[in-house]
């Protein structure tokens, strides 16, 4: 079967309410490179039907930086690495609230406090984090999120009570490839945290990083695993190698391959939020806007944990130029 015929066949299957199988996804991933633009167009049609033209904009603050005990090979904040980053304890409540207000002014709909470290179940800063989250909920119109690592059910329920609507906890890669990403905790540990967040009534934001050395098949496995985990939003980072980490010399993924990966995720997860996150500026460069016409319906704006992004106004303008509607807290609050 020709690549165009395959794309039409499987795209129509999804549009009619069906699901593509793992085997079909693999065949679709093997299409000729020259057919990638057609794949993006079909992914965009799926996006239009299942999630519409709204683009979910979110922002984060690195609430506590560095000295993490875990050995994730990509991470500049790991104590196992020698990356040149700022290391500091938990920001004050006033600083966290100020960061949220800045994100709101920049056009974000959602805002998350992110902290370095293995997890929130033994985090002595947890009461201060909850207090800051409560203030952000009270003092802004933002939808409030958190990314604090592993959790107990008790603490997940406390986050829900504080006004947190969504918990972020990436699986990073496929189950099979995960051992090549981190050895100080397991894929099952991450899946367990996602289950706990669900049990507390929280939505879950979970995705991973493209470019860790994994294959396209690993990416497809991750997409189907996230489908099984029933996550609500899937952030797709692209590795931005940082000097001092184990993956500092990792070669970049070609932009066309990145866009192809995004489109395949939309075929597999037609009704889920799929957002671009860290590394898009460095890896996609002038092709960033094409992701918005290839199945993506969300973006992380305003910078990342240890690397900068670009001006929020530029991202909002990019969304509008693509004929889409940027979702900000202010816009949603007016409706």
C-alpha atoms as a PDB file:
ATOM      1  CA  UNK A   1       0.000   0.000   0.000  1.00  0.00           C
ATOM      2  CA  UNK A   2       1.245   3.482  -0.862  1.00  0.00           C
ATOM      3  CA  UNK A   3       2.093   5.774   2.037  1.00  0.00           C
ATOM      4  CA  UNK A   4      -0.661   8.237   1.107  1.00  0.00           C
ATOM      5  CA  UNK A   5      -3.247   5.470   0.977  1.00  0.00           C
ATOM      6  CA  UNK A   6      -2.111   4.157   4.365  1.00  0.00           C
ATOM      7  CA  UNK A   7      -2.334   7.613   5.946  1.00  0.00           C
ATOM      8  CA  UNK A   8      -5.829   8.124   4.551  1.00  0.00           C
ATOM      9  CA  UNK A   9      -6.968   4.655   5.640  1.00  0.00           C
ATOM     10  CA  UNK A  10      -5.724   4.923   9.214  1.00  0.00           C
ATOM     11  CA  UNK A  11      -6.652   8.587   9.559  1.00  0.00           C
ATOM     12  CA  UNK A  12     -10.200   7.831   8.418  1.00  0.00           C
ATOM     13  CA  UNK A  13     -10.353   4.968  10.892  1.00  0.00           C
ATOM     14  CA  UNK A  14      -9.525   7.345  13.738  1.00  0.00           C
ATOM     15  CA  UNK A  15     -11.891  10.063  12.486  1.00  0.00           C
ATOM     16  CA  UNK A  16     -14.714   7.533  12.440  1.00  0.00           C
ATOM     17  CA  UNK A  17     -14.140   6.703  16.104  1.00  0.00           C
ATOM     18  CA  UNK A  18     -11.802   3.760  15.748  1.00  0.00           C
ATOM     19  CA  UNK A  19      -8.353   3.203  17.191  1.00  0.00           C
ATOM     20  CA  UNK A  20      -5.164   2.265  15.425  1.00  0.00           C
ATOM     21  CA  UNK A  21      -3.366  -0.795  16.735  1.00  0.00           C
ATOM     22  CA  UNK A  22       0.234  -0.944  17.878  1.00  0.00           C
ATOM     23  CA  UNK A  23       1.076  -2.799  14.663  1.00  0.00           C
ATOM     24  CA  UNK A  24      -0.656  -0.197  12.499  1.00  0.00           C
ATOM     25  CA  UNK A  25       1.195   2.578  14.297  1.00  0.00           C
ATOM     26  CA  UNK A  26       4.484   0.887  13.493  1.00  0.00           C
ATOM     27  CA  UNK A  27       3.578   0.598   9.810  1.00  0.00           C
ATOM     28  CA  UNK A  28       2.501   4.250   9.794  1.00  0.00           C
ATOM     29  CA  UNK A  29       5.813   5.290  11.367  1.00  0.00           C
ATOM     30  CA  UNK A  30       7.652   3.668   8.449  1.00  0.00           C
ATOM     31  CA  UNK A  31       6.136   5.919   5.774  1.00  0.00           C
ATOM     32  CA  UNK A  32       8.409   7.665   3.304  1.00  0.00           C
ATOM     33  CA  UNK A  33       9.857  10.926   4.566  1.00  0.00           C
ATOM     34  CA  UNK A  34       8.386  12.762   1.600  1.00  0.00           C
ATOM     35  CA  UNK A  35       4.913  11.853   2.899  1.00  0.00           C
ATOM     36  CA  UNK A  36       5.430  13.424   6.333  1.00  0.00           C
ATOM     37  CA  UNK A  37       3.614  16.655   5.340  1.00  0.00           C
ATOM     38  CA  UNK A  38       0.570  14.583   4.399  1.00  0.00           C
ATOM     39  CA  UNK A  39       0.790  12.737   7.725  1.00  0.00           C
ATOM     40  CA  UNK A  40       0.858  16.093   9.528  1.00  0.00           C
ATOM     41  CA  UNK A  41      -2.215  17.257   7.622  1.00  0.00           C
ATOM     42  CA  UNK A  42      -4.187  14.161   8.619  1.00  0.00           C
ATOM     43  CA  UNK A  43      -3.024  14.471  12.241  1.00  0.00           C
ATOM     44  CA  UNK A  44      -4.234  18.054  12.187  1.00  0.00           C
ATOM     45  CA  UNK A  45      -7.612  16.955  10.875  1.00  0.00           C
ATOM     46  CA  UNK A  46      -7.843  14.494  13.783  1.00  0.00           C
ATOM     47  CA  UNK A  47      -6.903  17.290  16.168  1.00  0.00           C
ATOM     48  CA  UNK A  48      -9.610  19.538  14.740  1.00  0.00           C
ATOM     49  CA  UNK A  49     -12.297  16.899  15.195  1.00  0.00           C
ATOM     50  CA  UNK A  50     -11.399  15.657  18.665  1.00  0.00           C
ATOM     51  CA  UNK A  51      -9.972  18.659  20.536  1.00  0.00           C
ATOM     52  CA  UNK A  52     -10.868  21.663  18.401  1.00  0.00           C
ATOM     53  CA  UNK A  53      -8.912  24.840  17.738  1.00  0.00           C
ATOM     54  CA  UNK A  54      -8.095  25.840  21.319  1.00  0.00           C
ATOM     55  CA  UNK A  55      -4.397  25.755  22.244  1.00  0.00           C
ATOM     56  CA  UNK A  56      -3.782  25.117  25.935  1.00  0.00           C
ATOM     57  CA  UNK A  57      -0.950  27.372  27.174  1.00  0.00           C
ATOM     58  CA  UNK A  58       0.829  26.489  30.411  1.00  0.00           C
ATOM     59  CA  UNK A  59       3.829  27.821  32.331  1.00  0.00           C
ATOM     60  CA  UNK A  60       6.034  26.578  35.165  1.00  0.00           C
ATOM     61  CA  UNK A  61       8.365  27.842  37.844  1.00  0.00           C
ATOM     62  CA  UNK A  62      11.425  25.962  39.053  1.00  0.00           C
ATOM     63  CA  UNK A  63      10.434  26.236  42.691  1.00  0.00           C
ATOM     64  CA  UNK A  64      13.466  24.415  44.103  1.00  0.00           C
ATOM     65  CA  UNK A  65      16.531  23.776  41.976  1.00  0.00           C
ATOM     66  CA  UNK A  66      19.296  21.199  41.935  1.00  0.00           C
ATOM     67  CA  UNK A  67      20.785  18.594  44.296  1.00  0.00           C
ATOM     68  CA  UNK A  68      18.328  15.902  43.179  1.00  0.00           C
ATOM     69  CA  UNK A  69      19.273  12.424  44.395  1.00  0.00           C
ATOM     70  CA  UNK A  70      18.029  10.740  41.215  1.00  0.00           C
ATOM     71  CA  UNK A  71      20.303   9.955  38.257  1.00  0.00           C
ATOM     72  CA  UNK A  72      18.108  10.758  35.246  1.00  0.00           C
ATOM     73  CA  UNK A  73      20.750  10.956  32.522  1.00  0.00           C
ATOM     74  CA  UNK A  74      19.321  14.046  30.833  1.00  0.00           C
ATOM     75  CA  UNK A  75      18.776  16.172  33.932  1.00  0.00           C
ATOM     76  CA  UNK A  76      20.928  19.160  34.825  1.00  0.00           C
ATOM     77  CA  UNK A  77      19.487  19.166  38.354  1.00  0.00           C
ATOM     78  CA  UNK A  78      20.793  15.724  39.271  1.00  0.00           C
ATOM     79  CA  UNK A  79      23.454  15.650  41.987  1.00  0.00           C
ATOM     80  CA  UNK A  80      25.102  12.899  39.916  1.00  0.00           C
ATOM     81  CA  UNK A  81      25.984  15.472  37.242  1.00  0.00           C
ATOM     82  CA  UNK A  82      28.177  18.552  37.035  1.00  0.00           C
ATOM     83  CA  UNK A  83      25.938  20.944  35.113  1.00  0.00           C
ATOM     84  CA  UNK A  84      26.405  24.670  35.661  1.00  0.00           C
ATOM     85  CA  UNK A  85      22.986  25.618  37.016  1.00  0.00           C
ATOM     86  CA  UNK A  86      21.596  27.715  39.840  1.00  0.00           C
ATOM     87  CA  UNK A  87      21.018  25.683  42.998  1.00  0.00           C
ATOM     88  CA  UNK A  88      18.621  27.049  45.580  1.00  0.00           C
ATOM     89  CA  UNK A  89      16.086  25.945  48.225  1.00  0.00           C
ATOM     90  CA  UNK A  90      12.342  26.393  47.891  1.00  0.00           C
ATOM     91  CA  UNK A  91      11.393  29.873  46.761  1.00  0.00           C
ATOM     92  CA  UNK A  92       9.310  31.905  49.177  1.00  0.00           C
ATOM     93  CA  UNK A  93       5.540  31.960  48.896  1.00  0.00           C
ATOM     94  CA  UNK A  94       5.717  35.530  47.627  1.00  0.00           C
ATOM     95  CA  UNK A  95       8.200  34.545  44.885  1.00  0.00           C
ATOM     96  CA  UNK A  96       6.064  31.599  43.775  1.00  0.00           C
ATOM     97  CA  UNK A  97       2.916  33.716  43.623  1.00  0.00           C
ATOM     98  CA  UNK A  98       4.772  36.428  41.714  1.00  0.00           C
ATOM     99  CA  UNK A  99       5.923  33.862  39.149  1.00  0.00           C
ATOM    100  CA  UNK A 100       2.324  32.708  38.738  1.00  0.00           C
ATOM    101  CA  UNK A 101       1.094  36.255  38.201  1.00  0.00           C
ATOM    102  CA  UNK A 102       3.818  36.823  35.621  1.00  0.00           C
ATOM    103  CA  UNK A 103       2.714  33.642  33.801  1.00  0.00           C
ATOM    104  CA  UNK A 104      -0.890  34.805  33.857  1.00  0.00           C
ATOM    105  CA  UNK A 105       0.110  38.156  32.388  1.00  0.00           C
ATOM    106  CA  UNK A 106       2.072  36.317  29.688  1.00  0.00           C
ATOM    107  CA  UNK A 107      -1.005  34.449  28.507  1.00  0.00           C
ATOM    108  CA  UNK A 108      -0.896  31.140  30.384  1.00  0.00           C
ATOM    109  CA  UNK A 109      -4.017  29.152  31.250  1.00  0.00           C
ATOM    110  CA  UNK A 110      -2.238  26.776  33.646  1.00  0.00           C
ATOM    111  CA  UNK A 111       0.645  27.218  36.053  1.00  0.00           C
ATOM    112  CA  UNK A 112       2.700  24.596  37.855  1.00  0.00           C
ATOM    113  CA  UNK A 113       5.185  24.656  40.708  1.00  0.00           C
ATOM    114  CA  UNK A 114       7.979  22.172  39.922  1.00  0.00           C
ATOM    115  CA  UNK A 115      10.500  21.029  42.530  1.00  0.00           C
ATOM    116  CA  UNK A 116      13.679  18.999  42.201  1.00  0.00           C
ATOM    117  CA  UNK A 117      13.995  15.803  44.198  1.00  0.00           C
ATOM    118  CA  UNK A 118      12.672  12.273  44.163  1.00  0.00           C
ATOM    119  CA  UNK A 119       9.251  13.009  45.528  1.00  0.00           C
ATOM    120  CA  UNK A 120       6.699  14.703  47.684  1.00  0.00           C
ATOM    121  CA  UNK A 121       5.989  11.880  50.115  1.00  0.00           C
ATOM    122  CA  UNK A 122       8.957  12.846  52.326  1.00  0.00           C
ATOM    123  CA  UNK A 123       9.350  16.457  51.255  1.00  0.00           C
ATOM    124  CA  UNK A 124       9.684  18.764  54.263  1.00  0.00           C
ATOM    125  CA  UNK A 125       8.746  21.704  52.047  1.00  0.00           C
ATOM    126  CA  UNK A 126       5.353  20.212  51.242  1.00  0.00           C
ATOM    127  CA  UNK A 127       3.303  22.404  53.638  1.00  0.00           C
ATOM    128  CA  UNK A 128       4.911  25.558  52.210  1.00  0.00           C
ATOM    129  CA  UNK A 129       4.252  24.367  48.662  1.00  0.00           C
ATOM    130  CA  UNK A 130       0.593  23.708  49.468  1.00  0.00           C
ATOM    131  CA  UNK A 131       0.284  27.150  51.006  1.00  0.00           C
ATOM    132  CA  UNK A 132       1.736  28.761  47.873  1.00  0.00           C
ATOM    133  CA  UNK A 133      -0.597  26.746  45.645  1.00  0.00           C
ATOM    134  CA  UNK A 134      -3.579  27.900  47.702  1.00  0.00           C
ATOM    135  CA  UNK A 135      -2.483  31.520  47.326  1.00  0.00           C
ATOM    136  CA  UNK A 136      -2.035  31.145  43.567  1.00  0.00           C
ATOM    137  CA  UNK A 137      -5.528  29.677  43.321  1.00  0.00           C
ATOM    138  CA  UNK A 138      -6.944  32.576  45.324  1.00  0.00           C
ATOM    139  CA  UNK A 139      -4.971  35.422  43.766  1.00  0.00           C
ATOM    140  CA  UNK A 140      -5.044  34.482  40.068  1.00  0.00           C
ATOM    141  CA  UNK A 141      -7.447  33.027  37.513  1.00  0.00           C
ATOM    142  CA  UNK A 142      -4.957  30.321  36.587  1.00  0.00           C
ATOM    143  CA  UNK A 143      -5.661  26.606  36.623  1.00  0.00           C
ATOM    144  CA  UNK A 144      -3.187  25.328  39.213  1.00  0.00           C
ATOM    145  CA  UNK A 145      -0.898  22.338  38.701  1.00  0.00           C
ATOM    146  CA  UNK A 146       1.997  20.744  40.562  1.00  0.00           C
ATOM    147  CA  UNK A 147       5.017  18.610  39.707  1.00  0.00           C
ATOM    148  CA  UNK A 148       6.597  17.369  42.926  1.00  0.00           C
ATOM    149  CA  UNK A 149       7.732  13.838  42.076  1.00  0.00           C
ATOM    150  CA  UNK A 150       6.325  10.729  43.752  1.00  0.00           C
ATOM    151  CA  UNK A 151       3.330  11.074  46.067  1.00  0.00           C
ATOM    152  CA  UNK A 152       1.364   9.341  48.754  1.00  0.00           C
ATOM    153  CA  UNK A 153      -2.406   9.282  48.410  1.00  0.00           C
ATOM    154  CA  UNK A 154      -2.705  11.508  51.477  1.00  0.00           C
ATOM    155  CA  UNK A 155      -0.542  14.192  49.914  1.00  0.00           C
ATOM    156  CA  UNK A 156      -2.275  13.876  46.557  1.00  0.00           C
ATOM    157  CA  UNK A 157      -5.599  14.493  48.311  1.00  0.00           C
ATOM    158  CA  UNK A 158      -4.065  17.516  50.063  1.00  0.00           C
ATOM    159  CA  UNK A 159      -3.045  18.943  46.677  1.00  0.00           C
ATOM    160  CA  UNK A 160      -6.561  18.432  45.380  1.00  0.00           C
ATOM    161  CA  UNK A 161      -7.966  20.238  48.433  1.00  0.00           C
ATOM    162  CA  UNK A 162      -5.548  23.128  47.831  1.00  0.00           C
ATOM    163  CA  UNK A 163      -7.056  23.705  44.394  1.00  0.00           C
ATOM    164  CA  UNK A 164      -4.651  21.737  42.226  1.00  0.00           C
ATOM    165  CA  UNK A 165      -6.479  20.421  39.165  1.00  0.00           C
ATOM    166  CA  UNK A 166      -3.705  18.541  37.397  1.00  0.00           C
ATOM    167  CA  UNK A 167      -0.580  16.680  38.525  1.00  0.00           C
ATOM    168  CA  UNK A 168       2.452  16.413  36.275  1.00  0.00           C
ATOM    169  CA  UNK A 169       4.660  13.324  36.367  1.00  0.00           C
ATOM    170  CA  UNK A 170       6.423  12.230  33.173  1.00  0.00           C
ATOM    171  CA  UNK A 171       7.155   8.606  32.335  1.00  0.00           C
ATOM    172  CA  UNK A 172      10.050  10.047  30.229  1.00  0.00           C
ATOM    173  CA  UNK A 173      10.258   7.157  27.749  1.00  0.00           C
ATOM    174  CA  UNK A 174       8.887   3.687  27.102  1.00  0.00           C
ATOM    175  CA  UNK A 175       8.886   1.012  29.777  1.00  0.00           C
ATOM    176  CA  UNK A 176      11.525  -0.977  27.881  1.00  0.00           C
ATOM    177  CA  UNK A 177      13.859   1.976  27.324  1.00  0.00           C
ATOM    178  CA  UNK A 178      13.461   3.494  30.771  1.00  0.00           C
ATOM    179  CA  UNK A 179      16.435   1.608  32.240  1.00  0.00           C
ATOM    180  CA  UNK A 180      18.613   3.655  29.856  1.00  0.00           C
ATOM    181  CA  UNK A 181      17.191   6.883  31.291  1.00  0.00           C
ATOM    182  CA  UNK A 182      17.273   6.345  35.065  1.00  0.00           C
ATOM    183  CA  UNK A 183      18.249   3.586  37.505  1.00  0.00           C
ATOM    184  CA  UNK A 184      17.539   5.174  40.905  1.00  0.00           C
ATOM    185  CA  UNK A 185      13.806   4.671  40.497  1.00  0.00           C
ATOM    186  CA  UNK A 186      11.736   2.566  38.139  1.00  0.00           C
ATOM    187  CA  UNK A 187       9.102   3.011  35.485  1.00  0.00           C
ATOM    188  CA  UNK A 188       6.710   1.273  37.869  1.00  0.00           C
ATOM    189  CA  UNK A 189       7.399   3.978  40.467  1.00  0.00           C
ATOM    190  CA  UNK A 190       6.284   6.586  37.958  1.00  0.00           C
ATOM    191  CA  UNK A 191       3.197   4.616  36.934  1.00  0.00           C
ATOM    192  CA  UNK A 192       2.276   4.187  40.610  1.00  0.00           C
ATOM    193  CA  UNK A 193       2.394   7.967  41.166  1.00  0.00           C
ATOM    194  CA  UNK A 194       0.104   8.472  38.172  1.00  0.00           C
ATOM    195  CA  UNK A 195      -2.361   5.963  39.661  1.00  0.00           C
ATOM    196  CA  UNK A 196      -2.246   7.764  43.020  1.00  0.00           C
ATOM    197  CA  UNK A 197      -2.963  11.111  41.369  1.00  0.00           C
ATOM    198  CA  UNK A 198      -5.939   9.585  39.578  1.00  0.00           C
ATOM    199  CA  UNK A 199      -7.194   8.083  42.844  1.00  0.00           C
ATOM    200  CA  UNK A 200      -7.125  11.543  44.461  1.00  0.00           C
ATOM    201  CA  UNK A 201      -9.294  12.948  41.692  1.00  0.00           C
ATOM    202  CA  UNK A 202      -6.510  14.838  39.948  1.00  0.00           C
ATOM    203  CA  UNK A 203      -6.086  15.021  36.201  1.00  0.00           C
ATOM    204  CA  UNK A 204      -2.670  13.794  35.077  1.00  0.00           C
ATOM    205  CA  UNK A 205      -0.150  15.407  32.743  1.00  0.00           C
ATOM    206  CA  UNK A 206       2.463  12.864  31.684  1.00  0.00           C
ATOM    207  CA  UNK A 207       4.705  12.508  28.670  1.00  0.00           C
ATOM    208  CA  UNK A 208       8.384  12.263  27.999  1.00  0.00           C
ATOM    209  CA  UNK A 209      11.453  13.365  26.095  1.00  0.00           C
ATOM    210  CA  UNK A 210      12.251  12.739  22.456  1.00  0.00           C
ATOM    211  CA  UNK A 211      15.940  12.301  21.636  1.00  0.00           C
ATOM    212  CA  UNK A 212      17.302  10.329  24.592  1.00  0.00           C
ATOM    213  CA  UNK A 213      18.667   7.720  22.193  1.00  0.00           C
ATOM    214  CA  UNK A 214      15.402   5.821  21.962  1.00  0.00           C
ATOM    215  CA  UNK A 215      13.972   4.447  18.718  1.00  0.00           C
ATOM    216  CA  UNK A 216      10.737   5.463  17.043  1.00  0.00           C
ATOM    217  CA  UNK A 217       9.332   2.155  18.264  1.00  0.00           C
ATOM    218  CA  UNK A 218      10.120   3.208  21.835  1.00  0.00           C
ATOM    219  CA  UNK A 219       8.178   6.432  21.250  1.00  0.00           C
ATOM    220  CA  UNK A 220       5.197   4.491  19.952  1.00  0.00           C
ATOM    221  CA  UNK A 221       5.374   2.199  22.979  1.00  0.00           C
ATOM    222  CA  UNK A 222       5.341   5.274  25.242  1.00  0.00           C
ATOM    223  CA  UNK A 223       2.276   6.662  23.465  1.00  0.00           C
ATOM    224  CA  UNK A 224       0.344   3.425  23.926  1.00  0.00           C
ATOM    225  CA  UNK A 225       1.501   3.139  27.548  1.00  0.00           C
ATOM    226  CA  UNK A 226       0.238   6.677  28.232  1.00  0.00           C
ATOM    227  CA  UNK A 227      -3.040   5.673  26.627  1.00  0.00           C
ATOM    228  CA  UNK A 228      -3.302   2.748  29.049  1.00  0.00           C
ATOM    229  CA  UNK A 229      -2.452   5.056  31.968  1.00  0.00           C
ATOM    230  CA  UNK A 230      -5.377   7.292  30.888  1.00  0.00           C
ATOM    231  CA  UNK A 231      -3.470  10.548  31.214  1.00  0.00           C
ATOM    232  CA  UNK A 232      -5.240  13.770  30.245  1.00  0.00           C
ATOM    233  CA  UNK A 233      -2.330  15.755  28.804  1.00  0.00           C
ATOM    234  CA  UNK A 234       0.871  14.604  27.105  1.00  0.00           C
ATOM    235  CA  UNK A 235       3.834  17.026  27.128  1.00  0.00           C
ATOM    236  CA  UNK A 236       6.466  16.115  24.539  1.00  0.00           C
ATOM    237  CA  UNK A 237       9.900  17.517  25.315  1.00  0.00           C
ATOM    238  CA  UNK A 238      12.802  17.357  22.881  1.00  0.00           C
ATOM    239  CA  UNK A 239      16.207  16.829  24.442  1.00  0.00           C
ATOM    240  CA  UNK A 240      18.257  19.999  24.754  1.00  0.00           C
ATOM    241  CA  UNK A 241      21.613  18.463  25.769  1.00  0.00           C
ATOM    242  CA  UNK A 242      23.188  20.282  28.689  1.00  0.00           C
ATOM    243  CA  UNK A 243      26.909  20.260  29.347  1.00  0.00           C
ATOM    244  CA  UNK A 244      27.739  18.293  32.468  1.00  0.00           C
ATOM    245  CA  UNK A 245      24.978  15.702  32.045  1.00  0.00           C
ATOM    246  CA  UNK A 246      25.458  12.176  30.717  1.00  0.00           C
ATOM    247  CA  UNK A 247      23.598  13.039  27.519  1.00  0.00           C
ATOM    248  CA  UNK A 248      25.546  16.214  26.788  1.00  0.00           C
ATOM    249  CA  UNK A 249      26.855  14.741  23.529  1.00  0.00           C
ATOM    250  CA  UNK A 250      23.599  13.198  22.338  1.00  0.00           C
ATOM    251  CA  UNK A 251      22.994  14.070  18.647  1.00  0.00           C
ATOM    252  CA  UNK A 252      19.823  16.051  17.909  1.00  0.00           C
ATOM    253  CA  UNK A 253      16.695  14.545  16.386  1.00  0.00           C
ATOM    254  CA  UNK A 254      15.985  15.994  12.901  1.00  0.00           C
ATOM    255  CA  UNK A 255      13.061  18.453  12.908  1.00  0.00           C
ATOM    256  CA  UNK A 256      11.066  16.407  10.386  1.00  0.00           C
ATOM    257  CA  UNK A 257      11.347  13.342  12.633  1.00  0.00           C
ATOM    258  CA  UNK A 258      10.158  15.374  15.620  1.00  0.00           C
ATOM    259  CA  UNK A 259       7.093  16.567  13.719  1.00  0.00           C
ATOM    260  CA  UNK A 260       6.428  13.031  12.525  1.00  0.00           C
ATOM    261  CA  UNK A 261       6.541  11.821  16.129  1.00  0.00           C
ATOM    262  CA  UNK A 262       4.052  14.498  17.207  1.00  0.00           C
ATOM    263  CA  UNK A 263       1.668  13.454  14.429  1.00  0.00           C
ATOM    264  CA  UNK A 264       1.891   9.773  15.367  1.00  0.00           C
ATOM    265  CA  UNK A 265       0.992  10.635  18.974  1.00  0.00           C
ATOM    266  CA  UNK A 266      -2.140  12.396  17.689  1.00  0.00           C
ATOM    267  CA  UNK A 267      -3.162   9.288  15.702  1.00  0.00           C
ATOM    268  CA  UNK A 268      -2.721   7.157  18.838  1.00  0.00           C
ATOM    269  CA  UNK A 269      -4.204   9.659  21.324  1.00  0.00           C
ATOM    270  CA  UNK A 270      -6.810  11.535  19.252  1.00  0.00           C
ATOM    271  CA  UNK A 271      -8.749  13.129  22.117  1.00  0.00           C
ATOM    272  CA  UNK A 272      -5.911  13.861  24.543  1.00  0.00           C
ATOM    273  CA  UNK A 273      -4.100  17.115  25.016  1.00  0.00           C
ATOM    274  CA  UNK A 274      -0.697  16.927  23.327  1.00  0.00           C
ATOM    275  CA  UNK A 275       1.664  19.816  23.967  1.00  0.00           C
ATOM    276  CA  UNK A 276       5.152  20.838  22.935  1.00  0.00           C
ATOM    277  CA  UNK A 277       7.429  21.530  25.877  1.00  0.00           C
ATOM    278  CA  UNK A 278      11.140  21.934  26.554  1.00  0.00           C
ATOM    279  CA  UNK A 279      13.586  21.977  23.666  1.00  0.00           C
ATOM    280  CA  UNK A 280      11.211  23.023  20.902  1.00  0.00           C
ATOM    281  CA  UNK A 281      12.971  26.326  20.207  1.00  0.00           C
ATOM    282  CA  UNK A 282      16.395  24.675  19.897  1.00  0.00           C
ATOM    283  CA  UNK A 283      15.319  21.600  17.951  1.00  0.00           C
ATOM    284  CA  UNK A 284      12.456  22.788  15.740  1.00  0.00           C
ATOM    285  CA  UNK A 285      13.753  26.300  15.186  1.00  0.00           C
ATOM    286  CA  UNK A 286      11.758  27.880  12.323  1.00  0.00           C
ATOM    287  CA  UNK A 287       9.470  24.834  12.116  1.00  0.00           C
ATOM    288  CA  UNK A 288       7.869  25.378  15.524  1.00  0.00           C
ATOM    289  CA  UNK A 289       4.636  26.683  14.042  1.00  0.00           C
ATOM    290  CA  UNK A 290       4.255  23.585  11.862  1.00  0.00           C
ATOM    291  CA  UNK A 291       3.670  21.522  15.003  1.00  0.00           C
ATOM    292  CA  UNK A 292       0.457  23.518  15.497  1.00  0.00           C
ATOM    293  CA  UNK A 293      -0.687  22.316  12.089  1.00  0.00           C
ATOM    294  CA  UNK A 294       0.351  18.734  12.720  1.00  0.00           C
ATOM    295  CA  UNK A 295      -1.705  17.606  15.694  1.00  0.00           C
ATOM    296  CA  UNK A 296      -0.389  19.661  18.632  1.00  0.00           C
ATOM    297  CA  UNK A 297      -2.945  21.551  20.758  1.00  0.00           C
ATOM    298  CA  UNK A 298      -0.885  22.831  23.675  1.00  0.00           C
ATOM    299  CA  UNK A 299       2.389  24.536  24.513  1.00  0.00           C
ATOM    300  CA  UNK A 300       4.566  25.188  27.521  1.00  0.00           C
ATOM    301  CA  UNK A 301       5.486  28.865  27.332  1.00  0.00           C
ATOM    302  CA  UNK A 302       7.819  31.252  29.130  1.00  0.00           C
ATOM    303  CA  UNK A 303      10.864  29.065  29.778  1.00  0.00           C
ATOM    304  CA  UNK A 304      11.720  25.729  31.370  1.00  0.00           C
ATOM    305  CA  UNK A 305      13.460  24.403  34.464  1.00  0.00           C
ATOM    306  CA  UNK A 306      17.098  25.215  33.741  1.00  0.00           C
ATOM    307  CA  UNK A 307      16.896  26.654  30.206  1.00  0.00           C
ATOM    308  CA  UNK A 308      15.116  29.686  28.819  1.00  0.00           C
ATOM    309  CA  UNK A 309      12.320  29.778  26.292  1.00  0.00           C
ATOM    310  CA  UNK A 310      11.245  32.713  24.216  1.00  0.00           C
ATOM    311  CA  UNK A 311       8.980  35.703  24.663  1.00  0.00           C
ATOM    312  CA  UNK A 312       5.430  34.655  25.530  1.00  0.00           C
ATOM    313  CA  UNK A 313       4.017  37.246  23.141  1.00  0.00           C
ATOM    314  CA  UNK A 314       5.798  35.524  20.258  1.00  0.00           C
ATOM    315  CA  UNK A 315       4.217  32.188  21.148  1.00  0.00           C
ATOM    316  CA  UNK A 316       0.742  33.661  21.513  1.00  0.00           C
ATOM    317  CA  UNK A 317       1.181  35.382  18.137  1.00  0.00           C
ATOM    318  CA  UNK A 318       2.346  32.103  16.598  1.00  0.00           C
ATOM    319  CA  UNK A 319      -0.817  30.367  17.763  1.00  0.00           C
ATOM    320  CA  UNK A 320      -3.007  33.101  16.330  1.00  0.00           C
ATOM    321  CA  UNK A 321      -1.071  33.113  13.046  1.00  0.00           C
ATOM    322  CA  UNK A 322      -1.842  29.391  12.718  1.00  0.00           C
ATOM    323  CA  UNK A 323      -5.556  30.226  12.859  1.00  0.00           C
ATOM    324  CA  UNK A 324      -5.935  28.775  16.341  1.00  0.00           C
ATOM    325  CA  UNK A 325      -7.176  30.185  19.649  1.00  0.00           C
ATOM    326  CA  UNK A 326      -4.654  30.591  22.470  1.00  0.00           C
ATOM    327  CA  UNK A 327      -6.282  29.667  25.772  1.00  0.00           C
ATOM    328  CA  UNK A 328      -5.226  32.011  28.572  1.00  0.00           C
ATOM    329  CA  UNK A 329      -6.622  32.309  32.082  1.00  0.00           C
ATOM    330  CA  UNK A 330      -7.909  35.776  31.284  1.00  0.00           C
ATOM    331  CA  UNK A 331      -9.713  34.657  28.116  1.00  0.00           C
ATOM    332  CA  UNK A 332     -11.346  31.662  29.815  1.00  0.00           C
ATOM    333  CA  UNK A 333     -12.342  33.733  32.845  1.00  0.00           C
ATOM    334  CA  UNK A 334     -14.203  36.213  30.620  1.00  0.00           C
ATOM    335  CA  UNK A 335     -16.395  33.496  29.099  1.00  0.00           C
END
